[in-house]
Each structure stands twice: as C-alpha cells, then as structure tokens.
Amino acid sequence: MTAYIIRRLLLVIPVLLGVSFIVFLTIRFIPGDPAEILLGEDYTQEAVEALRAEWGLDKPLLIQYGLFLGQLLRGNLGISIRSGQPITRELAVRFKNTLQLALVAAALASVIGIAAGVIAGTRPFSLMDMLTMAGAVAGVSIPVFWLGLMLMYAFAVKLHWLPAVGVGTVKHLVLPGITLSAFTMATIARQTRSSVLEVMEQDYITTARSKGVTEKNVLLRHAIKNAMIPIITVQGVMIGRLLGGSIITETVFAYPGMGKLLIDGLMGRNYPVVQGVILLYAVTFSLVNLVVDLSYALFDPRIAYD
C-alpha cells in the first residue's frame, strides 16, 4: 500500500502542472488589466506601466509562467496584487473557513443521505420511498443560490434564528452548510437506494435470511457493508463538488472562504490569488480521491493495492 500511495502522490505533480498552466493562461485572456482596475478611473499610462513592471506583467507569458513555477517550487504562491500580502497567508485563513463549511456539509449529506437511501431501499415503492426520492429530485433540481436566499429569508430575516452572513460561530455554519449539502445529500440518497436495492437481491442475503438471521442484522452486517463501495465513490466525487459549490454558497452568504476569495480575485484580476486558490482546490481534490480509493479496502477485504 505504501508503494501505491507514493505512486498516486507522484501523479499529482503532472496534474498540478497542467492545472497551473491552464489557469495561468486562461486568467490572462480575461478582459481587463489588473493595474488599471487597481488604479481606478483616474489613472495615467505611466502609472499603469509602472505597476505592470512591478508585478512582472510586462514580460512575455512564458517568462511569467517560468517565474511563477520557480516560486511555486519554493513553496511561494506569490503576493496578492490588491492587498500586498503573501498568498499563502490569505489562503491559510480562507482554507480553514472553507474546510469547516465543507466538513459540515459533507457530514449532513452523508448522514442524512445514507439514512434516507437505506430507508428507501429497504422499503421500495412505499410511501417513504416515494417521499425520499421526491426530496432527492428536489435537492438536485433546486439552484444553490435560490435555496440559500430562501433559507436566509426564512431563518435570518423572518424568524431571526440564525445569522445571514459572516463567520465566527457554529450558527454561521448552519445555513450555508445546509445550502451546500443539498445537492450532495440528494445524490447520495439516490445512489444509496440503488445500491441497497441491488444488494438485497443477492443470493447471500437470501442465504442469511434462510439461516434465521434477523432482518436488522441482515441489513447492518451484510447489506449496508456491501453496498458502501459505490456510495464511497459518489461521496469522493461529491466532496469535489462541495469545493466547487462553495464558490456560490460563500458568495450568497458573504462567507469568507476560498470560494469568496476566488470570486474577488477574478473580479479584480488578481492573478496570484486565482492561481493559488485553484491549485489548492486541485491538491485537495487529488488527496480526497486518494483517501476514497484507500477506504475501499475497509469495506471489501478482497481489494488489494499492489
């Protein structure tokens, strides 16, 4: 397993190089000069050229990319164009906030989604099954920004139970956590239902029942464990979606995380910030996929990592 982990970690290097190159070029083709945006409307051409020279934006793109890679190899993501602070310092704070939000959303999605899927899968075509699947369809259909605004209006504006924006307490995580988890929760519920239905029709389930094993033990000791492999796969993919979905959620709730930082960086053409955020997203997603792959062996001992 150690050799497998090392190989997977080495594969992250070309992925990051590809991501960095694509992001580096793409953001520079977006209309708008960061120097002009920072100086405002009353700028002079001399001031613009001076700022571009200070930030190295007057050099050819390949030279800029080479300088960026050189800094990256030394663990330096650069300096924010707008704040003048190191990108690593800004990302440290923002990543912590986004990680908290993502963990809350992932916990809600996993617990509620798996529970709803198991209930629906063990009672196919019942009223509970139809209600669960109707909720799942609604979860994947409702736009994230609309759900966030409706929750904010109901629980913050009307009921005054929860704060609408900001960060700092557990209450600040409730509304954005529910909003961010809705799509993932619905997807996990649907996948869990499908997996449980498939497993419950297997011969070893029939054999366990014929031996007098109670339905509870059949479900807990045989069905759920064997149904978890596809569910884990979906969870790994959905965690990546949580990171992407946090961009919209954090913008709606003015939550100071990486998603909000990315939007602000794009609006201000803050190249180093955008590059740093997306690279951190790529690293996180790669590590999550590795953890998901390794977790398969916990539920199926037949899986080996050569």
Protein backbone atom coordinates (compact mmCIF):
# COMPACT_ATOMS: atom_id res chain seq x y z
CA MET A 1 0.00 0.00 0.00
CA THR A 2 2.91 2.37 0.71
CA ALA A 3 4.18 2.00 -2.87
CA TYR A 4 0.66 2.63 -4.18
CA ILE A 5 0.33 5.81 -2.11
CA ILE A 6 3.72 7.07 -3.32
CA ARG A 7 2.75 6.43 -6.97
CA ARG A 8 -0.53 8.26 -6.54
CA LEU A 9 1.18 11.23 -4.88
CA LEU A 10 3.72 11.40 -7.72
CA LEU A 11 0.85 11.51 -10.22
CA VAL A 12 -0.38 14.67 -8.51
CA ILE A 13 2.68 16.55 -9.82
CA PRO A 14 1.78 16.46 -13.56
CA VAL A 15 -1.83 17.19 -12.65
CA LEU A 16 -0.80 20.34 -10.80
CA LEU A 17 1.49 21.39 -13.63
CA GLY A 18 -1.34 21.00 -16.14
CA VAL A 19 -3.80 22.85 -13.92
CA SER A 20 -1.33 25.66 -13.24
CA PHE A 21 -0.59 26.14 -16.95
CA ILE A 22 -4.25 26.19 -17.99
CA VAL A 23 -5.24 28.58 -15.19
CA PHE A 24 -2.21 30.79 -15.84
CA LEU A 25 -3.12 31.26 -19.50
CA THR A 26 -6.91 31.39 -19.08
CA ILE A 27 -7.00 34.16 -16.50
CA ARG A 28 -4.69 36.32 -18.62
CA PHE A 29 -7.10 36.14 -21.55
CA ILE A 30 -9.92 37.58 -19.43
CA PRO A 31 -10.53 41.21 -20.48
CA GLY A 32 -9.28 43.79 -18.01
CA ASP A 33 -5.89 44.96 -16.83
CA PRO A 34 -5.27 44.43 -13.09
CA ALA A 35 -3.17 47.60 -12.94
CA GLU A 36 -5.95 49.71 -14.44
CA ILE A 37 -8.54 48.10 -12.14
CA LEU A 38 -6.44 48.80 -9.05
CA LEU A 39 -5.68 52.41 -10.00
CA GLY A 40 -9.33 53.20 -10.72
CA GLU A 41 -10.70 55.55 -13.36
CA ASP A 42 -8.19 58.39 -12.89
CA TYR A 43 -5.07 56.50 -13.92
CA THR A 44 -2.19 57.52 -16.15
CA GLN A 45 -0.44 55.28 -18.62
CA GLU A 46 2.86 55.83 -16.82
CA ALA A 47 1.34 54.61 -13.53
CA VAL A 48 -0.14 51.56 -15.25
CA GLU A 49 3.17 50.65 -16.87
CA ALA A 50 4.99 51.11 -13.56
CA LEU A 51 2.61 48.72 -11.77
CA ARG A 52 2.80 46.18 -14.58
CA ALA A 53 6.59 46.29 -14.38
CA GLU A 54 6.50 45.91 -10.59
CA TRP A 55 4.30 42.81 -10.85
CA GLY A 56 6.19 41.39 -13.83
CA LEU A 57 3.16 41.63 -16.12
CA ASP A 58 5.18 43.41 -18.81
CA LYS A 59 7.20 40.24 -19.52
CA PRO A 60 6.25 37.61 -22.15
CA LEU A 61 3.76 34.99 -20.91
CA LEU A 62 6.22 32.09 -20.99
CA ILE A 63 8.71 34.04 -18.89
CA GLN A 64 5.93 34.95 -16.44
CA TYR A 65 4.95 31.28 -16.24
CA GLY A 66 8.56 30.25 -15.67
CA LEU A 67 8.90 32.75 -12.84
CA PHE A 68 5.63 31.50 -11.38
CA LEU A 69 6.83 27.87 -11.46
CA GLY A 70 10.11 28.87 -9.86
CA GLN A 71 8.26 30.49 -6.97
CA LEU A 72 5.90 27.52 -6.74
CA LEU A 73 8.77 25.05 -6.39
CA ARG A 74 9.99 27.09 -3.42
CA GLY A 75 6.54 26.95 -1.83
CA ASN A 76 5.79 30.57 -2.69
CA LEU A 77 2.47 31.30 -4.39
CA GLY A 78 3.28 34.97 -4.83
CA ILE A 79 1.95 38.25 -3.47
CA SER A 80 -1.65 39.46 -3.73
CA ILE A 81 -1.90 42.32 -6.21
CA ARG A 82 -4.56 44.11 -4.17
CA SER A 83 -3.55 43.55 -0.54
CA GLY A 84 0.20 43.11 -0.94
CA GLN A 85 0.07 40.12 1.43
CA PRO A 86 1.56 36.67 0.69
CA ILE A 87 -0.99 34.38 -0.97
CA THR A 88 -0.15 31.55 1.44
CA ARG A 89 -1.17 33.74 4.39
CA GLU A 90 -4.54 34.61 2.84
CA LEU A 91 -5.17 31.00 1.81
CA ALA A 92 -4.40 29.67 5.28
CA VAL A 93 -7.28 31.64 6.80
CA ARG A 94 -9.70 31.15 3.92
CA PHE A 95 -8.97 27.42 3.57
CA LYS A 96 -9.73 26.88 7.24
CA ASN A 97 -13.13 28.54 6.82
CA THR A 98 -13.95 26.60 3.66
CA LEU A 99 -12.81 23.33 5.24
CA GLN A 100 -15.14 23.89 8.20
CA LEU A 101 -18.04 24.58 5.86
CA ALA A 102 -17.23 21.60 3.64
CA LEU A 103 -16.97 19.23 6.62
CA VAL A 104 -20.35 20.37 7.95
CA ALA A 105 -21.92 19.97 4.51
CA ALA A 106 -20.26 16.56 3.97
CA ALA A 107 -21.43 15.31 7.38
CA LEU A 108 -25.01 16.44 6.74
CA ALA A 109 -25.02 14.98 3.24
CA SER A 110 -23.53 11.64 4.29
CA VAL A 111 -25.59 11.02 7.43
CA ILE A 112 -28.96 12.16 6.08
CA GLY A 113 -28.33 10.94 2.52
CA ILE A 114 -27.26 7.42 3.52
CA ALA A 115 -30.04 7.10 6.11
CA ALA A 116 -32.70 8.24 3.64
CA GLY A 117 -31.31 5.97 0.93
CA VAL A 118 -31.27 2.92 3.21
CA ILE A 119 -34.84 3.56 4.35
CA ALA A 120 -35.98 3.96 0.74
CA GLY A 121 -34.00 0.94 -0.46
CA THR A 122 -35.39 -1.41 2.17
CA ARG A 123 -38.98 -0.25 1.52
CA PRO A 124 -39.16 0.04 -2.27
CA PHE A 125 -42.27 1.67 -3.76
CA SER A 126 -43.63 2.53 -0.32
CA LEU A 127 -44.81 6.00 0.70
CA MET A 128 -41.49 6.59 2.48
CA ASP A 129 -39.60 5.60 -0.65
CA MET A 130 -41.63 7.98 -2.83
CA LEU A 131 -41.23 10.87 -0.38
CA THR A 132 -37.49 10.27 -0.10
CA MET A 133 -36.99 10.17 -3.85
CA ALA A 134 -39.19 13.24 -4.33
CA GLY A 135 -36.96 15.07 -1.87
CA ALA A 136 -33.88 13.81 -3.72
CA VAL A 137 -35.21 15.08 -7.05
CA ALA A 138 -35.90 18.45 -5.45
CA GLY A 139 -32.39 18.50 -3.97
CA VAL A 140 -30.68 18.03 -7.34
CA SER A 141 -33.06 20.42 -9.13
CA ILE A 142 -33.15 23.49 -6.89
CA PRO A 143 -30.40 26.04 -7.73
CA VAL A 144 -27.92 26.55 -4.90
CA PHE A 145 -28.21 30.34 -4.89
CA TRP A 146 -32.05 30.22 -4.76
CA LEU A 147 -32.05 27.74 -1.87
CA GLY A 148 -29.53 29.88 0.01
CA LEU A 149 -31.60 33.03 -0.45
CA MET A 150 -34.80 31.28 0.65
CA LEU A 151 -33.16 29.84 3.77
CA MET A 152 -31.67 33.24 4.54
CA TYR A 153 -35.04 34.94 4.14
CA ALA A 154 -36.88 32.37 6.29
CA PHE A 155 -34.45 31.77 9.17
CA ALA A 156 -32.49 35.03 9.27
CA VAL A 157 -34.84 37.75 8.07
CA LYS A 158 -38.22 36.46 9.25
CA LEU A 159 -37.51 34.19 12.23
CA HIS A 160 -34.20 35.74 13.37
CA TRP A 161 -32.97 32.32 14.43
CA LEU A 162 -29.68 32.27 12.53
CA PRO A 163 -27.23 34.86 11.16
CA ALA A 164 -27.47 35.55 7.45
CA VAL A 165 -23.83 36.34 6.71
CA GLY A 166 -20.37 36.17 8.25
CA VAL A 167 -18.30 33.67 10.17
CA GLY A 168 -17.20 33.04 13.74
CA THR A 169 -19.73 30.77 15.47
CA VAL A 170 -21.41 27.43 14.84
CA LYS A 171 -24.62 29.27 13.92
CA HIS A 172 -22.84 30.89 10.98
CA LEU A 173 -22.26 27.42 9.51
CA VAL A 174 -25.87 26.19 9.64
CA LEU A 175 -27.48 27.97 6.68
CA PRO A 176 -24.52 27.75 4.28
CA GLY A 177 -23.92 24.16 5.39
CA ILE A 178 -27.49 23.12 4.57
CA THR A 179 -27.37 25.01 1.28
CA LEU A 180 -24.08 23.46 0.24
CA SER A 181 -25.10 19.92 1.25
CA ALA A 182 -28.49 19.81 -0.54
CA PHE A 183 -27.31 18.56 -3.93
CA THR A 184 -24.79 16.13 -2.45
CA MET A 185 -27.32 14.81 0.05
CA ALA A 186 -29.83 14.10 -2.72
CA THR A 187 -27.22 12.38 -4.89
CA ILE A 188 -26.00 10.16 -2.06
CA ALA A 189 -29.59 9.24 -1.16
CA ARG A 190 -30.35 8.13 -4.71
CA GLN A 191 -27.11 6.15 -5.02
CA THR A 192 -27.62 4.51 -1.62
CA ARG A 193 -31.15 3.45 -2.53
CA SER A 194 -29.94 1.93 -5.79
CA SER A 195 -27.05 0.10 -4.11
CA VAL A 196 -29.19 -1.26 -1.28
CA LEU A 197 -31.85 -2.48 -3.71
CA GLU A 198 -29.20 -4.30 -5.74
CA VAL A 199 -27.54 -5.88 -2.71
CA MET A 200 -30.80 -7.02 -1.12
CA GLU A 201 -31.47 -9.18 -4.19
CA GLN A 202 -28.15 -11.08 -3.93
CA ASP A 203 -28.01 -14.79 -3.07
CA TYR A 204 -26.00 -14.30 0.13
CA ILE A 205 -28.80 -12.11 1.52
CA THR A 206 -31.30 -14.89 0.78
CA THR A 207 -28.95 -17.40 2.44
CA ALA A 208 -28.58 -15.25 5.55
CA ARG A 209 -32.36 -14.94 5.85
CA SER A 210 -32.82 -18.69 5.41
CA LYS A 211 -30.42 -19.25 8.33
CA GLY A 212 -32.71 -17.25 10.57
CA VAL A 213 -30.66 -14.05 10.69
CA THR A 214 -32.86 -11.16 11.74
CA GLU A 215 -33.68 -8.50 9.17
CA LYS A 216 -31.80 -5.92 11.24
CA ASN A 217 -28.61 -7.99 11.19
CA VAL A 218 -29.05 -8.78 7.51
CA LEU A 219 -29.16 -5.08 6.81
CA LEU A 220 -26.37 -3.97 9.15
CA ARG A 221 -23.90 -6.86 8.79
CA HIS A 222 -24.39 -7.82 5.15
CA ALA A 223 -26.34 -5.37 3.02
CA ILE A 224 -25.00 -1.94 4.01
CA LYS A 225 -21.37 -3.02 4.14
CA ASN A 226 -21.50 -4.48 0.63
CA ALA A 227 -23.46 -1.51 -0.69
CA MET A 228 -20.90 1.03 0.52
CA ILE A 229 -18.37 0.77 -2.35
CA PRO A 230 -20.38 2.74 -4.94
CA ILE A 231 -21.58 5.08 -2.20
CA ILE A 232 -17.99 5.89 -1.20
CA THR A 233 -17.17 6.60 -4.84
CA VAL A 234 -20.06 9.05 -5.09
CA GLN A 235 -19.02 10.68 -1.81
CA GLY A 236 -15.50 11.25 -3.14
CA VAL A 237 -16.80 12.91 -6.29
CA MET A 238 -19.31 14.94 -4.30
CA ILE A 239 -16.63 16.30 -1.98
CA GLY A 240 -15.01 17.81 -5.04
CA ARG A 241 -18.39 19.26 -5.93
CA LEU A 242 -18.68 20.69 -2.42
CA LEU A 243 -15.47 22.62 -3.01
CA GLY A 244 -16.79 23.93 -6.30
CA GLY A 245 -20.25 24.62 -4.90
CA SER A 246 -18.73 26.58 -2.05
CA ILE A 247 -17.97 29.36 -4.54
CA ILE A 248 -21.67 30.14 -4.99
CA THR A 249 -22.62 29.40 -1.39
CA GLU A 250 -19.89 31.58 0.08
CA THR A 251 -20.83 34.42 -2.26
CA VAL A 252 -24.52 34.25 -1.25
CA PHE A 253 -23.76 34.22 2.47
CA ALA A 254 -20.72 36.54 2.28
CA TYR A 255 -18.77 33.70 3.89
CA PRO A 256 -15.02 34.46 3.89
CA GLY A 257 -13.75 31.24 2.40
CA MET A 258 -11.76 30.21 -0.66
CA GLY A 259 -14.77 30.47 -2.95
CA LYS A 260 -15.38 34.09 -1.98
CA LEU A 261 -11.65 34.78 -2.32
CA LEU A 262 -11.69 33.27 -5.82
CA ILE A 263 -14.62 35.44 -6.94
CA ASP A 264 -12.99 38.56 -5.53
CA GLY A 265 -9.74 37.61 -7.26
CA LEU A 266 -11.47 37.17 -10.61
CA MET A 267 -13.33 40.46 -10.29
CA GLY A 268 -10.09 42.32 -9.51
CA ARG A 269 -7.94 40.31 -11.98
CA ASN A 270 -5.81 39.31 -9.01
CA TYR A 271 -3.81 36.66 -10.89
CA PRO A 272 -1.76 35.25 -7.98
CA VAL A 273 -4.85 34.78 -5.80
CA VAL A 274 -6.82 32.96 -8.52
CA GLN A 275 -3.86 30.71 -9.31
CA GLY A 276 -3.28 29.91 -5.63
CA VAL A 277 -6.93 29.10 -4.91
CA ILE A 278 -7.37 26.79 -7.90
CA LEU A 279 -4.09 24.99 -7.20
CA LEU A 280 -5.20 24.41 -3.62
CA TYR A 281 -8.53 23.10 -4.91
CA ALA A 282 -6.64 20.69 -7.21
CA VAL A 283 -4.40 19.42 -4.41
CA THR A 284 -7.35 18.92 -2.07
CA PHE A 285 -9.39 17.08 -4.68
CA SER A 286 -6.44 14.79 -5.55
CA LEU A 287 -5.88 13.91 -1.88
CA VAL A 288 -9.59 13.28 -1.33
CA ASN A 289 -9.62 10.86 -4.28
CA LEU A 290 -6.63 9.03 -2.78
CA VAL A 291 -8.35 8.70 0.60
CA VAL A 292 -11.51 7.43 -1.12
CA ASP A 293 -9.54 4.79 -3.04
CA LEU A 294 -7.79 3.62 0.14
CA SER A 295 -11.06 3.43 2.07
CA TYR A 296 -12.40 0.75 -0.30
CA ALA A 297 -10.31 -1.87 1.50
CA LEU A 298 -12.07 -1.10 4.79
CA PHE A 299 -15.38 -2.33 3.37
CA ASP A 300 -14.13 -5.01 0.97
CA PRO A 301 -11.08 -7.03 2.15
CA ARG A 302 -10.78 -8.55 -1.34
CA ILE A 303 -9.41 -5.24 -2.63
CA ALA A 304 -5.61 -5.12 -2.61
CA TYR A 305 -3.20 -2.33 -3.53
CA ASP A 306 -0.22 -3.72 -5.43
